Protein backbone atom coordinates (compact mmCIF):
# COMPACT_ATOMS: atom_id res chain seq x y z
CA UNK A 1 -0.15 0.07 -0.05
CA UNK A 2 1.11 3.63 -1.31
CA UNK A 3 0.43 6.97 -1.14
CA UNK A 4 1.92 9.96 -2.58
CA UNK A 5 0.77 13.40 -2.22
CA UNK A 6 1.73 16.12 -4.38
CA UNK A 7 0.92 19.77 -5.67
CA UNK A 8 1.75 21.74 -2.33
CA UNK A 9 3.61 25.07 -2.47
CA UNK A 10 3.34 28.09 -0.73
CA UNK A 11 0.51 30.84 -1.76
CA UNK A 12 -1.29 33.89 -0.82
CA UNK A 13 -4.06 34.25 0.83
CA UNK A 14 -6.85 34.18 -1.79
CA UNK A 15 -5.09 31.88 -3.69
CA UNK A 16 -5.49 27.96 -5.45
CA UNK A 17 -3.56 24.96 -5.12
CA UNK A 18 -4.43 21.59 -6.41
CA UNK A 19 -2.88 18.83 -4.73
CA UNK A 20 -3.34 15.31 -6.22
CA UNK A 21 -2.62 11.83 -4.25
CA UNK A 22 -1.47 8.29 -6.26
CA UNK A 23 -2.59 5.71 -4.67
CA UNK A 24 -1.57 1.76 -5.21
CA UNK A 25 -1.74 -1.33 -3.58
CA UNK A 26 -5.10 -1.99 -2.51
CA UNK A 27 -8.28 -2.42 -4.56
CA UNK A 28 -8.56 1.73 -4.88
CA UNK A 29 -12.12 1.47 -6.80
CA UNK A 30 -13.79 -0.23 -3.42
CA UNK A 31 -12.30 2.69 -0.71
CA UNK A 32 -13.82 6.16 0.41
CA UNK A 33 -11.06 8.19 0.26
CA UNK A 34 -10.29 11.39 2.68
CA UNK A 35 -7.91 13.60 2.51
CA UNK A 36 -6.20 14.70 6.01
CA UNK A 37 -4.18 17.86 6.89
CA UNK A 38 -2.33 18.08 10.28
CA UNK A 39 -1.20 21.57 10.79
CA UNK A 40 1.62 22.45 13.23
CA UNK A 41 1.06 21.58 17.15
CA UNK A 42 -2.39 20.11 16.19
CA UNK A 43 -3.73 17.26 15.41
CA UNK A 44 -4.32 15.43 12.26
CA UNK A 45 -8.30 16.53 11.04
CA UNK A 46 -10.74 14.98 8.19
CA UNK A 47 -10.92 17.51 5.37
CA UNK A 48 -13.02 15.84 2.45
CA UNK A 49 -14.11 12.52 1.78
CA UNK A 50 -15.04 10.79 -1.61
CA UNK A 51 -16.69 7.72 -1.58
CA UNK A 52 -16.38 5.15 -5.32
CA UNK A 53 -19.28 6.84 -6.25
CA UNK A 54 -17.72 10.14 -6.65
CA UNK A 55 -20.09 11.54 -3.79
CA UNK A 56 -18.26 13.85 -1.63
CA UNK A 57 -18.11 15.37 1.94
CA UNK A 58 -16.11 18.56 3.52
CA UNK A 59 -16.08 19.35 6.68
CA UNK A 60 -17.34 22.57 7.38
CA UNK A 61 -14.44 25.05 7.60
CA UNK A 62 -13.55 24.27 3.84
CA UNK A 63 -17.28 24.26 2.62
CA UNK A 64 -17.77 26.23 -0.96
CA UNK A 65 -13.54 26.32 -1.19
CA UNK A 66 -12.47 22.74 -1.54
CA UNK A 67 -13.56 20.44 -4.32
CA UNK A 68 -12.26 16.49 -3.82
CA UNK A 69 -12.58 14.03 -6.96
CA UNK A 70 -11.19 11.12 -7.69
CA UNK A 71 -10.55 9.12 -11.10
CA UNK A 72 -10.73 5.18 -10.59
CA UNK A 73 -9.08 4.18 -13.64
CA UNK A 74 -5.83 5.64 -12.42
CA UNK A 75 -6.48 5.33 -8.49
CA UNK A 76 -5.69 9.13 -7.90
CA UNK A 77 -7.65 11.44 -5.90
CA UNK A 78 -7.57 15.48 -6.51
CA UNK A 79 -8.31 18.22 -4.30
CA UNK A 80 -8.60 21.41 -5.37
CA UNK A 81 -8.19 24.66 -3.09
CA UNK A 82 -9.67 27.72 -3.68
CA UNK A 83 -9.98 30.96 -1.74
CA UNK A 84 -7.11 29.62 0.29
CA UNK A 85 -6.91 31.01 3.67
CA UNK A 86 -3.39 31.23 6.21
CA UNK A 87 -5.50 28.81 9.17
CA UNK A 88 -5.47 26.42 5.54
CA UNK A 89 -1.32 26.48 5.98
CA UNK A 90 -0.82 22.18 7.16
CA UNK A 91 0.72 18.96 5.92
CA UNK A 92 -1.86 17.29 3.54
CA UNK A 93 -2.28 13.65 3.44
CA UNK A 94 -4.60 11.18 1.98
CA UNK A 95 -5.60 7.69 2.97
CA UNK A 96 -8.76 5.82 3.32
CA UNK A 97 -11.83 7.00 5.27
CA UNK A 98 -11.73 6.24 8.97
CA UNK A 99 -7.88 5.61 8.83
CA UNK A 100 -6.34 7.41 11.66
CA UNK A 101 -9.03 4.49 13.93
CA UNK A 102 -7.90 1.84 11.74
CA UNK A 103 -4.31 -0.32 12.85
CA UNK A 104 -3.59 -1.37 9.20
CA UNK A 105 -4.63 1.66 7.48
CA UNK A 106 -2.67 4.41 9.87
CA UNK A 107 0.37 2.22 8.96
CA UNK A 108 0.62 3.52 5.65
CA UNK A 109 0.35 7.40 5.32
CA UNK A 110 2.31 9.29 2.40
CA UNK A 111 5.29 11.29 2.95
CA UNK A 112 2.25 14.15 3.04
CA UNK A 113 2.56 17.62 0.66
CA UNK A 114 2.86 21.05 2.31
CA UNK A 115 0.53 23.71 2.21
CA UNK A 116 1.86 27.17 3.23
CA UNK A 117 -0.64 30.60 2.88
CA UNK A 118 1.09 33.63 3.32
CA UNK A 119 1.69 36.84 2.19
């Protein structure tokens, strides 16, 4: 199992970034996938989730600004982030839904991708 996140960077408030995650080693198309983030000194939190069908769910703080999508033919998921705020600064990870509380999946975090929102 492997997750490889990319697309992070430094952006000014109000800007946009598009994160990508390439997954391998499991049946991607049958799993609900979640983007998580962890800011310095804070717990990792769930940001956005996409079901195999494409149905999505967002934490309130990113609703209307972030869009999650997936391509089951390429085993990838993306997170389009618009109207970025300083509080979005964090390392972003992808994994299956519920990974933090699952003994197996929490062993398979990727390296994450750093998003920094600053002027």
